Structure formats: C-alpha cells, structure tokens
Amino acid sequence: MIDAAWEERVMPALCEYTRIQCLSPAFDPDWAEKGAIRQAAELLRDWVKNQDASLNAEIIQLPGRTPILFIDNGGRGDPILVYGHMDKQPPLGEWRSGLAPFEPVRQGDLLYGRGTADDGYSTFAAVTGLLAADGGKGRVLILIEASEESGSPDLSAYVAHLSDRIGRPRLVICLDSGGLSYDRLWLTSSLRGNLVATVRVDVLTEGIHSGAGGGVVPSSFRILRRILDRIEDPESGRILLPQLLGAGIPEAHRTNIESLAVEFPDSALPVVDGLHLLAPDPVDRLIARTWSAALEVTGIDGIPASRDGGNVLRAFTALKFSLRLPPDVNAQVATDALISAIATDEGAHITIDMEPAAQGWVAPPLDDDIADVLGRVSQERFGRAPGFVGEGGSIPFLADLQTGYPGTQFVATGVLGPYSNAHGPNEALHIPMAKAVTHAVAGLLS
C-alpha cells in the first residue's frame, strides 16, 4: 500500500511542490509579498484533503509570521506529534547539467530538486503513514512549519498558540534527519546546536584608491580575519572559545561511533582529489561531524567578483558564518561568548546580526515498544537492524519540546543520506528511503 501510494499519489504532488520557490524567510525578505510559502502550504493542504476528507488540515498564520500546516486526525488521548517543514534553501550554486533547483527530475531511485529531501517529502510521508496505520483511533497531529531553514524563529509561537490543542505528546516523530547510508532505517541519537551570525566591519564611509589609503587605513577584511582567528585556530580549524566546546562525547556515543567507523571508513563527501581532511581518521571524522564545534563562512558582502576588483580600499566587509556546537553546549552561553570574542579595540565599526540560536539535542532512550517497531520496520524493509548516529545539523524544535515535555519519547529519522546534498546543489530524495520512513511512521502510529 505504501509503495503504491508513493508512486501513484505522492510523486505527482511532490513534483508540483518542487517547482514552488518557497524560500525560507532568511533568504527571501519579501516572502510574504511573493506568496510562494503560502502557495506551498495550500498545495500540501489540498493534497491532504484529497487523500482523506476526515482529516482536518488547516493553514494557521499568526500576524507577521510564516504559516504552518496543522493536521489533526480527530482521535482520542494524548497525541503522537509528527513534525516536518515546507520552506527551502536557495539554489546555492550551479546544478549539474540536466538538473535545475526548481524543476523535478527523476533518475532511477532519485528525485532531484530543491526541497525534495529537505523536507518536502515529510508531509507526504506523515499523511501516507497515518492512512496506512493499522490501529485504533488514537490522536495524531502533524505540524509542518515554514521557517526551519531560518532557524525556526516562528515555531515556538505556534507551539504556544496551539498548546491546548497539542496537550502533552506521548511521542514526537521528527522527519527532518537522516543517516550514513540507504541500506537501513537510521535513527538520530544527537544533533549539534548552531549559531548563525553576520558580522560587518566598516572602516570608511566610501571606498578610496588603495594607493591613497593602503597602509594607513586598516583593511576591513584583515580585521574580520583577526576576529575569526580568535574564534577558530586557522591551522587546525579547532574552535578556541571554551564555552563552545562542551564536556566531551559520552562513552556510549563514542562506542557506537567506533563501531560505525569500521563499517564507514570513507567520508562519502564530494571532496577534490588530494584534499587533506581535518579529521582523516574515521573515528575522529564521525566525532567531528556529530560532537565537535566547527565554523564555516557561508556568505560575504562588500567584496566584488574578482573580475571587477580594482585598486580600491573597500569601505566594509561583512561575513556570514555558521558555527556548529556540540549537542551538550548551552547555546545562549555560547552566543554571549561569541559576541565577546567579536569585539575589537581598533576603532572600526562592528555590527553583529545574530539569528536565533539553535540548541543542540541528545535523544532520550527509547521505550522497548517503540524500539521494537523500528527494529521490525528496518528488518522488513532492509533485512537488517536500524542504525543510530548523531547528526551534524540542528533541529531546534526537538530541544525545545524536550525541555517542555520531559517525559515524551522522541524518534528523529529521515531520508538525508550520502549525496542527498541538502542545502547544496543537486539535492535529491532517495525514494526507497522515503518509502521506508513512511513505513516506520505507519508502524509507530499503529
């Protein structure tokens, strides 16, 4: 039933969704006027209603915030809450010949297009799994937000707004994660936190000839480089601020990583030939991507393209960077330490724009009945037990809910595997994995 539903009912609608340029608000300040996010929400809502008219699917939008799609099956008791998101990253680079970010292309088991895997499939998997569930009339809620790629700044307002309707979930299923391969069901054991900051350094009110100002006016780029050097060791990439380092990986997680490193000795990353990795050892590499702090510059303003660069001492430079945090680091403490490190006494004008901090997360142990269902689904689909691995990304929603509902069970899974390229060019959904995750949703809801 699930496989047929995907081919007959899900794939056409998912292709329609792929064509919608519903960029997250951080990447499209005019999102409300353009209406693409609303268009995506309406497409998903209408598809849900066409699957089963008894499902209450509604678009809720608070003033000044992105909308959510909220689905209620009308069941009884403490609910199971399924989470996903509909907003997308921008294209971010040139896509491979024959592919385009907002045009779906199926090649074998892969559906290419922005948002297919991260996280457009989630609504379809959640609803298809719900309709395939073989059980009583327990209550199921599905919440699909539209600001996750911007750090989920709107989600907490909706959780508060819907608190009476949500009640106290007994299980939360998050469909925005993934694993190391496509040969088993993967469950997320931890997530890193994240700080996203744009730091601008102004040294002039306008650019001047470098022959007139060079050697006299400090370069805005040099000041930013020094700021980064206070945060990150330029030789090793190691983060230097102690407030960002955490207490170290717990023994149980290290033991699991050591086992995974034997099976996955390669990085499975599209690196250029001969590149020296920061963590060449497989164990160190898995620890680095799941339990270590790391900084990456993700955007630059104030610097012209190299073909346009003249002999100009530029007025300013702005860098946007993403700073991943170990799962156990307090994101607010890390934010305060980062802001202190950015301060400089050189007299330049420093502007810091911080996005909402994302708290890391460590999954609580699974109850036996939930673990049994997931084990059975993985065996039925792949002939092997599920895998457990930490993910290097962030899902602030899970940390927030775990704080608010300390007794709730959490299952974080998803379709993001090798070369799924979420946030990069050539993003692709592995369709068999999407079907397997839908199977897991159906099993848990049953």
Protein backbone atom coordinates (compact mmCIF):
# COMPACT_ATOMS: atom_id res chain seq x y z
CA MET A 1 0.00 0.00 0.00
CA ILE A 2 2.73 2.48 0.96
CA ASP A 3 4.88 1.86 -2.13
CA ALA A 4 1.88 2.15 -4.45
CA ALA A 5 0.69 5.32 -2.72
CA TRP A 6 4.09 6.92 -3.22
CA GLU A 7 4.18 6.15 -6.92
CA GLU A 8 0.55 6.97 -7.69
CA ARG A 9 -0.41 9.77 -5.31
CA VAL A 10 2.70 11.24 -3.71
CA MET A 11 5.15 11.65 -6.60
CA PRO A 12 2.95 13.91 -8.77
CA ALA A 13 2.22 16.25 -5.86
CA LEU A 14 5.83 16.22 -4.66
CA CYS A 15 6.92 17.26 -8.15
CA GLU A 16 4.46 20.16 -8.03
CA TYR A 17 5.86 21.19 -4.66
CA THR A 18 9.42 21.04 -6.03
CA ARG A 19 8.54 23.73 -8.59
CA ILE A 20 7.50 26.22 -5.89
CA GLN A 21 10.30 28.62 -4.90
CA CYS A 22 9.21 28.76 -1.25
CA LEU A 23 12.48 30.05 0.14
CA SER A 24 12.80 30.41 3.89
CA PRO A 25 12.46 34.00 5.16
CA ALA A 26 16.17 34.31 5.94
CA PHE A 27 16.84 34.01 2.21
CA ASP A 28 13.82 35.92 0.90
CA PRO A 29 12.82 39.00 2.91
CA ASP A 30 9.88 39.53 0.53
CA TRP A 31 8.45 36.05 1.13
CA ALA A 32 5.09 37.35 2.31
CA GLU A 33 4.53 39.53 -0.78
CA LYS A 34 5.70 36.85 -3.21
CA GLY A 35 3.35 34.28 -1.69
CA ALA A 36 5.39 31.17 -2.53
CA ILE A 37 5.33 29.83 1.04
CA ARG A 38 1.58 30.27 1.13
CA GLN A 39 1.33 28.53 -2.24
CA ALA A 40 3.29 25.55 -0.89
CA ALA A 41 1.10 25.38 2.22
CA GLU A 42 -2.06 25.42 0.12
CA LEU A 43 -0.76 22.72 -2.21
CA LEU A 44 0.04 20.47 0.76
CA ARG A 45 -3.27 21.21 2.50
CA ASP A 46 -5.30 20.45 -0.63
CA TRP A 47 -3.38 17.22 -1.22
CA VAL A 48 -4.08 16.08 2.36
CA LYS A 49 -7.80 16.78 2.00
CA ASN A 50 -7.87 14.82 -1.26
CA GLN A 51 -6.37 11.78 0.48
CA ASP A 52 -8.94 11.60 3.28
CA ALA A 53 -11.69 14.13 3.85
CA SER A 54 -11.91 13.14 7.53
CA LEU A 55 -8.51 14.68 8.24
CA ASN A 56 -8.70 18.25 9.50
CA ALA A 57 -5.94 20.05 7.56
CA GLU A 58 -5.71 23.78 8.12
CA ILE A 59 -3.26 26.57 7.43
CA ILE A 60 -2.68 28.71 10.51
CA GLN A 61 -0.85 32.03 10.25
CA LEU A 62 -0.11 34.35 13.13
CA PRO A 63 0.48 38.05 12.33
CA GLY A 64 3.94 38.70 10.94
CA ARG A 65 4.91 35.02 10.91
CA THR A 66 5.23 32.30 8.32
CA PRO A 67 2.24 29.93 8.18
CA ILE A 68 2.10 26.35 9.40
CA LEU A 69 0.09 23.41 8.14
CA PHE A 70 -1.62 21.67 11.07
CA ILE A 71 -3.29 18.29 10.55
CA ASP A 72 -5.48 16.55 13.15
CA ASN A 73 -6.98 13.08 12.66
CA GLY A 74 -9.62 13.71 15.34
CA GLY A 75 -8.51 10.81 17.53
CA ARG A 76 -8.55 10.45 21.30
CA GLY A 77 -5.98 10.60 24.07
CA ASP A 78 -2.51 12.11 24.36
CA PRO A 79 -1.31 12.68 20.80
CA ILE A 80 1.56 11.49 18.68
CA LEU A 81 3.03 14.59 17.02
CA VAL A 82 4.75 14.30 13.63
CA TYR A 83 6.99 17.19 12.54
CA GLY A 84 8.37 18.42 9.22
CA HIS A 85 8.88 21.66 7.31
CA MET A 86 7.99 23.08 3.90
CA ASP A 87 10.43 26.01 3.48
CA LYS A 88 13.51 25.65 1.30
CA GLN A 89 17.10 26.78 0.94
CA PRO A 90 18.07 28.81 -2.16
CA PRO A 91 19.75 27.03 -5.12
CA LEU A 92 23.27 27.74 -3.76
CA GLY A 93 25.49 27.13 -6.75
CA GLU A 94 25.39 25.64 -10.23
CA TRP A 95 23.43 22.40 -10.59
CA ARG A 96 24.63 19.51 -12.71
CA SER A 97 23.80 19.51 -16.42
CA GLY A 98 20.22 18.35 -16.90
CA LEU A 99 19.17 19.40 -13.39
CA ALA A 100 17.64 22.60 -12.03
CA PRO A 101 16.76 23.57 -8.48
CA PHE A 102 13.04 24.08 -9.06
CA GLU A 103 12.35 21.51 -11.76
CA PRO A 104 11.86 17.92 -10.57
CA VAL A 105 13.93 15.30 -12.39
CA ARG A 106 13.63 11.61 -11.59
CA GLN A 107 16.61 9.40 -12.32
CA GLY A 108 16.09 5.85 -11.09
CA ASP A 109 15.64 5.87 -7.32
CA LEU A 110 16.39 9.59 -7.01
CA LEU A 111 14.15 12.64 -7.39
CA TYR A 112 16.26 15.76 -7.86
CA GLY A 113 15.09 19.24 -6.88
CA ARG A 114 15.34 21.75 -4.08
CA GLY A 115 13.29 20.71 -1.06
CA THR A 116 12.57 17.15 -2.19
CA ALA A 117 14.56 15.60 0.68
CA ASP A 118 14.82 18.62 2.98
CA ASP A 119 11.98 18.50 3.83
CA GLY A 120 9.22 18.47 1.27
CA TYR A 121 8.73 14.72 1.44
CA SER A 122 7.75 14.93 5.13
CA THR A 123 4.11 15.92 4.74
CA PHE A 124 3.56 13.12 2.25
CA ALA A 125 5.34 10.55 4.42
CA ALA A 126 3.44 11.60 7.56
CA VAL A 127 -0.02 11.52 5.97
CA THR A 128 0.60 8.37 3.91
CA GLY A 129 1.93 6.65 7.02
CA LEU A 130 -1.10 7.78 9.01
CA LEU A 131 -3.53 6.43 6.41
CA ALA A 132 -1.63 3.13 6.26
CA ALA A 133 -1.54 2.69 10.06
CA ASP A 134 -3.38 -0.36 11.35
CA GLY A 135 -4.64 0.60 14.77
CA GLY A 136 -7.34 2.28 16.78
CA LYS A 137 -8.38 5.91 16.78
CA GLY A 138 -5.55 7.36 18.81
CA ARG A 139 -4.87 11.02 18.24
CA VAL A 140 -2.29 12.04 15.66
CA LEU A 141 -1.18 15.61 14.93
CA ILE A 142 1.08 16.65 12.05
CA LEU A 143 2.81 20.03 12.21
CA ILE A 144 4.59 21.32 9.10
CA GLU A 145 6.35 24.65 9.68
CA ALA A 146 7.77 27.17 7.19
CA SER A 147 10.75 28.79 8.93
CA GLU A 148 13.03 25.84 9.79
CA GLU A 149 15.74 26.81 7.31
CA SER A 150 15.87 30.19 9.06
CA GLY A 151 16.37 28.63 12.49
CA SER A 152 12.64 28.14 13.27
CA PRO A 153 12.06 31.66 14.67
CA ASP A 154 8.28 31.26 14.31
CA LEU A 155 7.82 27.74 15.62
CA SER A 156 7.79 28.40 19.35
CA ALA A 157 4.99 30.95 18.87
CA TYR A 158 2.87 28.30 17.16
CA VAL A 159 3.61 25.66 19.79
CA ALA A 160 2.44 28.16 22.43
CA HIS A 161 -0.57 29.18 20.33
CA LEU A 162 -1.62 25.53 19.90
CA SER A 163 -0.66 24.36 23.38
CA ASP A 164 -4.25 23.49 24.35
CA ARG A 165 -4.77 21.50 21.15
CA ILE A 166 -1.40 19.75 21.32
CA GLY A 167 -1.59 18.91 25.00
CA ARG A 168 1.25 16.64 26.11
CA PRO A 169 2.53 14.46 23.27
CA ARG A 170 3.49 10.93 24.25
CA LEU A 171 5.67 10.58 21.15
CA VAL A 172 7.24 13.09 18.76
CA ILE A 173 8.34 11.85 15.33
CA CYS A 174 10.71 14.21 13.50
CA LEU A 175 11.16 13.55 9.76
CA ASP A 176 13.97 16.04 9.11
CA SER A 177 17.07 13.94 9.70
CA GLY A 178 18.96 11.09 8.04
CA GLY A 179 21.89 8.71 8.30
CA LEU A 180 25.04 7.29 6.77
CA SER A 181 23.57 5.03 4.08
CA TYR A 182 20.41 3.87 2.36
CA ASP A 183 20.55 0.24 3.47
CA ARG A 184 18.75 0.51 6.82
CA LEU A 185 16.50 2.78 8.82
CA TRP A 186 18.57 5.42 10.64
CA LEU A 187 17.65 6.99 13.97
CA THR A 188 19.26 10.18 15.21
CA SER A 189 20.97 9.91 18.59
CA SER A 190 22.06 13.56 18.84
CA LEU A 191 22.05 16.87 16.99
CA ARG A 192 24.50 19.73 17.14
CA GLY A 193 23.44 23.24 18.05
CA ASN A 194 24.09 26.18 15.76
CA LEU A 195 24.89 29.88 15.89
CA VAL A 196 24.47 31.92 12.72
CA ALA A 197 25.95 35.42 12.74
CA THR A 198 26.61 38.15 10.19
CA VAL A 199 29.49 40.38 11.27
CA ARG A 200 30.14 43.61 9.39
CA VAL A 201 33.27 45.73 9.78
CA ASP A 202 33.19 49.32 8.45
CA VAL A 203 36.42 51.32 8.15
CA LEU A 204 35.44 54.03 5.63
CA THR A 205 32.29 55.87 4.63
CA GLU A 206 33.16 55.11 0.98
CA GLY A 207 35.83 53.21 -0.91
CA ILE A 208 39.07 55.00 -1.83
CA HIS A 209 42.08 54.35 -4.05
CA SER A 210 44.28 51.74 -2.41
CA GLY A 211 47.33 53.81 -3.24
CA ALA A 212 45.96 56.63 -1.10
CA GLY A 213 44.72 54.61 1.86
CA GLY A 214 46.64 51.33 1.81
CA GLY A 215 48.98 51.08 4.78
CA VAL A 216 47.14 53.87 6.55
CA VAL A 217 43.51 52.69 6.90
CA PRO A 218 43.23 49.15 8.29
CA SER A 219 41.63 46.66 5.92
CA SER A 220 38.14 45.61 6.97
CA PHE A 221 38.95 42.11 5.71
CA ARG A 222 42.06 41.92 7.90
CA ILE A 223 40.07 42.95 10.98
CA LEU A 224 37.50 40.25 10.23
CA ARG A 225 40.27 37.72 9.70
CA ARG A 226 41.68 38.55 13.13
CA ILE A 227 38.22 38.20 14.67
CA LEU A 228 37.86 34.75 13.12
CA ASP A 229 41.31 33.81 14.40
CA ARG A 230 40.12 34.49 17.95
CA ILE A 231 37.28 32.03 17.39
CA GLU A 232 38.99 29.34 15.29
CA ASP A 233 42.58 28.13 15.01
CA PRO A 234 43.48 28.93 11.37
CA GLU A 235 45.88 25.98 11.19
CA SER A 236 43.71 23.16 12.53
CA GLY A 237 40.15 24.52 12.33
CA ARG A 238 39.76 23.84 16.06
CA ILE A 239 37.36 26.18 17.88
CA LEU A 240 39.19 28.15 20.56
CA LEU A 241 36.39 29.52 22.78
CA PRO A 242 35.96 27.13 25.74
CA GLN A 243 32.26 27.97 26.11
CA LEU A 244 31.68 26.39 22.68
CA LEU A 245 33.43 23.06 23.27
CA GLY A 246 31.14 21.06 25.56
CA ALA A 247 32.03 18.35 28.06
CA GLY A 248 33.12 15.76 25.50
CA ILE A 249 31.42 12.83 23.83
CA PRO A 250 29.70 10.38 26.23
CA GLU A 251 31.17 6.89 26.34
CA ALA A 252 28.09 5.18 24.87
CA HIS A 253 28.11 7.52 21.87
CA ARG A 254 31.85 7.01 21.38
CA THR A 255 31.44 3.24 21.45
CA ASN A 256 28.72 3.46 18.80
CA ILE A 257 30.88 5.74 16.65
CA GLU A 258 33.82 3.35 16.88
CA SER A 259 31.58 0.58 15.60
CA LEU A 260 30.24 2.73 12.76
CA ALA A 261 33.75 3.82 11.75
CA VAL A 262 34.66 0.22 10.91
CA GLU A 263 31.70 0.00 8.54
CA PHE A 264 32.02 3.54 7.13
CA PRO A 265 35.75 4.28 6.81
CA ASP A 266 35.30 6.81 3.98
CA SER A 267 33.97 10.35 4.23
CA ALA A 268 31.34 9.99 1.44
CA LEU A 269 31.84 13.70 0.74
CA PRO A 270 32.46 15.27 -2.71
CA VAL A 271 36.00 16.46 -1.88
CA VAL A 272 38.54 17.33 -4.56
CA ASP A 273 41.38 14.90 -5.25
CA GLY A 274 44.22 15.16 -2.76
CA LEU A 275 42.41 17.27 -0.16
CA HIS A 276 43.77 16.85 3.37
CA LEU A 277 40.78 16.35 5.67
CA LEU A 278 40.79 17.98 9.09
CA ALA A 279 39.88 14.59 10.60
CA PRO A 280 41.45 11.84 8.44
CA ASP A 281 40.79 9.03 10.94
CA PRO A 282 37.25 7.55 10.54
CA VAL A 283 36.50 7.68 14.28
CA ASP A 284 37.73 11.25 14.58
CA ARG A 285 35.76 12.19 11.47
CA LEU A 286 32.46 10.89 12.86
CA ILE A 287 33.12 12.61 16.18
CA ALA A 288 33.97 15.84 14.37
CA ARG A 289 30.71 15.87 12.43
CA THR A 290 28.48 15.00 15.39
CA TRP A 291 30.07 16.14 18.69
CA SER A 292 32.57 18.89 17.80
CA ALA A 293 32.29 22.62 17.26
CA ALA A 294 33.04 23.86 13.74
CA LEU A 295 32.93 27.17 11.89
CA GLU A 296 32.14 27.79 8.22
CA VAL A 297 31.90 31.12 6.41
CA THR A 298 28.72 30.87 4.35
CA GLY A 299 28.43 34.35 2.80
CA ILE A 300 30.42 37.51 2.08
CA ASP A 301 29.30 41.06 1.30
CA GLY A 302 31.35 44.10 0.30
CA ILE A 303 33.78 42.17 -1.92
CA PRO A 304 33.33 42.44 -5.69
CA ALA A 305 33.80 39.49 -8.02
CA SER A 306 37.48 39.03 -8.89
CA ARG A 307 36.94 40.25 -12.46
CA ASP A 308 35.53 43.50 -11.09
CA GLY A 309 38.12 44.08 -8.38
CA GLY A 310 40.08 47.29 -8.83
CA ASN A 311 42.69 49.15 -6.80
CA VAL A 312 40.19 50.11 -4.12
CA LEU A 313 40.47 50.06 -0.36
CA ARG A 314 36.91 48.91 0.32
CA ALA A 315 34.68 50.62 2.87
CA PHE A 316 33.46 47.46 4.58
CA THR A 317 33.40 43.68 4.63
CA ALA A 318 30.61 41.52 6.05
CA LEU A 319 30.89 37.79 6.71
CA LYS A 320 28.06 35.42 7.50
CA PHE A 321 29.14 32.29 9.30
CA SER A 322 27.59 29.19 10.77
CA LEU A 323 29.08 27.87 14.00
CA ARG A 324 28.06 24.32 14.89
CA LEU A 325 28.02 23.47 18.59
CA PRO A 326 28.35 20.12 20.40
CA PRO A 327 24.96 18.74 21.47
CA ASP A 328 25.55 19.49 25.16
CA VAL A 329 26.62 23.14 24.81
CA ASN A 330 24.25 25.81 26.14
CA ALA A 331 23.50 27.87 23.03
CA GLN A 332 22.88 31.11 24.96
CA VAL A 333 26.18 30.84 26.84
CA ALA A 334 27.89 30.19 23.51
CA THR A 335 26.19 33.24 21.99
CA ASP A 336 27.45 35.51 24.76
CA ALA A 337 31.00 34.16 24.40
CA LEU A 338 30.92 34.62 20.64
CA ILE A 339 29.77 38.23 20.86
CA SER A 340 32.54 38.98 23.36
CA ALA A 341 35.13 37.46 21.04
CA ILE A 342 33.98 39.60 18.11
CA ALA A 343 34.58 42.88 19.95
CA THR A 344 37.69 44.75 18.81
CA ASP A 345 39.57 47.81 20.06
CA GLU A 346 40.75 49.01 16.63
CA GLY A 347 38.02 51.63 16.36
CA ALA A 348 36.30 50.08 13.36
CA HIS A 349 32.53 49.99 13.40
CA ILE A 350 31.40 46.44 14.16
CA THR A 351 27.82 45.30 13.52
CA ILE A 352 26.65 41.87 14.68
CA ASP A 353 23.40 40.34 13.46
CA MET A 354 22.63 37.06 15.25
CA GLU A 355 19.92 34.68 14.10
CA PRO A 356 18.04 32.81 16.87
CA ALA A 357 20.42 30.32 18.46
CA ALA A 358 19.68 26.63 17.90
CA GLN A 359 20.14 24.43 20.96
CA GLY A 360 21.72 21.01 20.49
CA TRP A 361 19.91 17.82 21.46
CA VAL A 362 20.66 14.37 22.81
CA ALA A 363 17.95 11.77 22.26
CA PRO A 364 16.49 10.16 25.40
CA PRO A 365 16.43 6.32 25.47
CA LEU A 366 13.60 4.72 23.50
CA ASP A 367 10.90 2.68 25.21
CA ASP A 368 11.06 -1.01 24.32
CA ASP A 369 7.82 -0.99 22.32
CA ILE A 370 8.96 1.90 20.12
CA ALA A 371 12.39 0.32 19.61
CA ASP A 372 10.68 -2.97 18.66
CA VAL A 373 8.56 -1.27 15.99
CA LEU A 374 11.55 0.50 14.46
CA GLY A 375 13.59 -2.70 14.53
CA ARG A 376 10.82 -4.62 12.79
CA VAL A 377 10.37 -1.98 10.08
CA SER A 378 14.10 -1.86 9.34
CA GLN A 379 14.22 -5.67 9.13
CA GLU A 380 11.19 -5.82 6.84
CA ARG A 381 12.49 -3.11 4.53
CA PHE A 382 16.21 -3.78 4.53
CA GLY A 383 16.84 -7.11 6.24
CA ARG A 384 18.91 -5.52 8.99
CA ALA A 385 18.56 -3.66 12.27
CA PRO A 386 18.31 0.13 12.34
CA GLY A 387 21.39 2.26 12.81
CA PHE A 388 21.92 5.00 15.40
CA VAL A 389 24.09 8.02 14.63
CA GLY A 390 24.44 11.64 15.64
CA GLU A 391 23.74 14.26 13.01
CA GLY A 392 25.83 17.36 12.46
CA GLY A 393 22.84 19.57 11.70
CA SER A 394 20.36 21.24 14.04
CA ILE A 395 16.62 20.91 14.70
CA PRO A 396 15.79 23.46 17.45
CA PHE A 397 12.24 22.12 17.72
CA LEU A 398 13.41 18.90 19.40
CA ALA A 399 15.41 20.59 22.14
CA ASP A 400 12.54 22.99 22.85
CA LEU A 401 9.97 20.20 23.06
CA GLN A 402 12.17 18.00 25.22
CA THR A 403 12.52 20.87 27.69
CA GLY A 404 8.76 21.45 27.72
CA TYR A 405 7.77 17.76 27.77
CA PRO A 406 10.50 15.88 29.67
CA GLY A 407 8.61 12.57 29.69
CA THR A 408 7.92 12.49 25.95
CA GLN A 409 9.52 9.91 23.64
CA PHE A 410 11.33 11.16 20.54
CA VAL A 411 12.09 9.48 17.22
CA ALA A 412 14.17 11.53 14.78
CA THR A 413 14.68 9.93 11.39
CA GLY A 414 14.64 10.92 7.74
CA VAL A 415 15.95 10.50 4.22
CA LEU A 416 19.13 12.61 4.21
CA GLY A 417 21.97 10.27 3.30
CA PRO A 418 25.11 10.27 1.13
CA TYR A 419 24.94 12.79 -1.71
CA SER A 420 21.41 13.90 -0.86
CA ASN A 421 23.03 17.36 -0.88
CA ALA A 422 20.59 19.18 1.36
CA HIS A 423 21.45 22.91 1.21
CA GLY A 424 23.79 22.33 -1.75
CA PRO A 425 23.33 21.92 -5.49
CA ASN A 426 21.85 18.68 -6.87
CA GLU A 427 19.65 17.93 -3.85
CA ALA A 428 17.98 14.54 -4.26
CA LEU A 429 15.40 12.43 -2.48
CA HIS A 430 16.17 8.71 -2.25
CA ILE A 431 12.69 7.39 -2.99
CA PRO A 432 13.09 3.89 -1.46
CA MET A 433 14.28 5.50 1.78
CA ALA A 434 11.27 7.83 1.74
CA LYS A 435 9.01 4.79 1.42
CA ALA A 436 10.84 3.09 4.30
CA VAL A 437 10.45 6.15 6.55
CA THR A 438 6.75 6.22 5.68
CA HIS A 439 6.60 2.53 6.69
CA ALA A 440 8.21 3.46 10.03
CA VAL A 441 5.63 6.24 10.58
CA ALA A 442 2.81 3.77 9.89
CA GLY A 443 4.29 1.26 12.33
CA LEU A 444 4.69 3.79 15.10
CA LEU A 445 1.18 5.16 14.63
CA SER A 446 -0.25 1.63 14.62
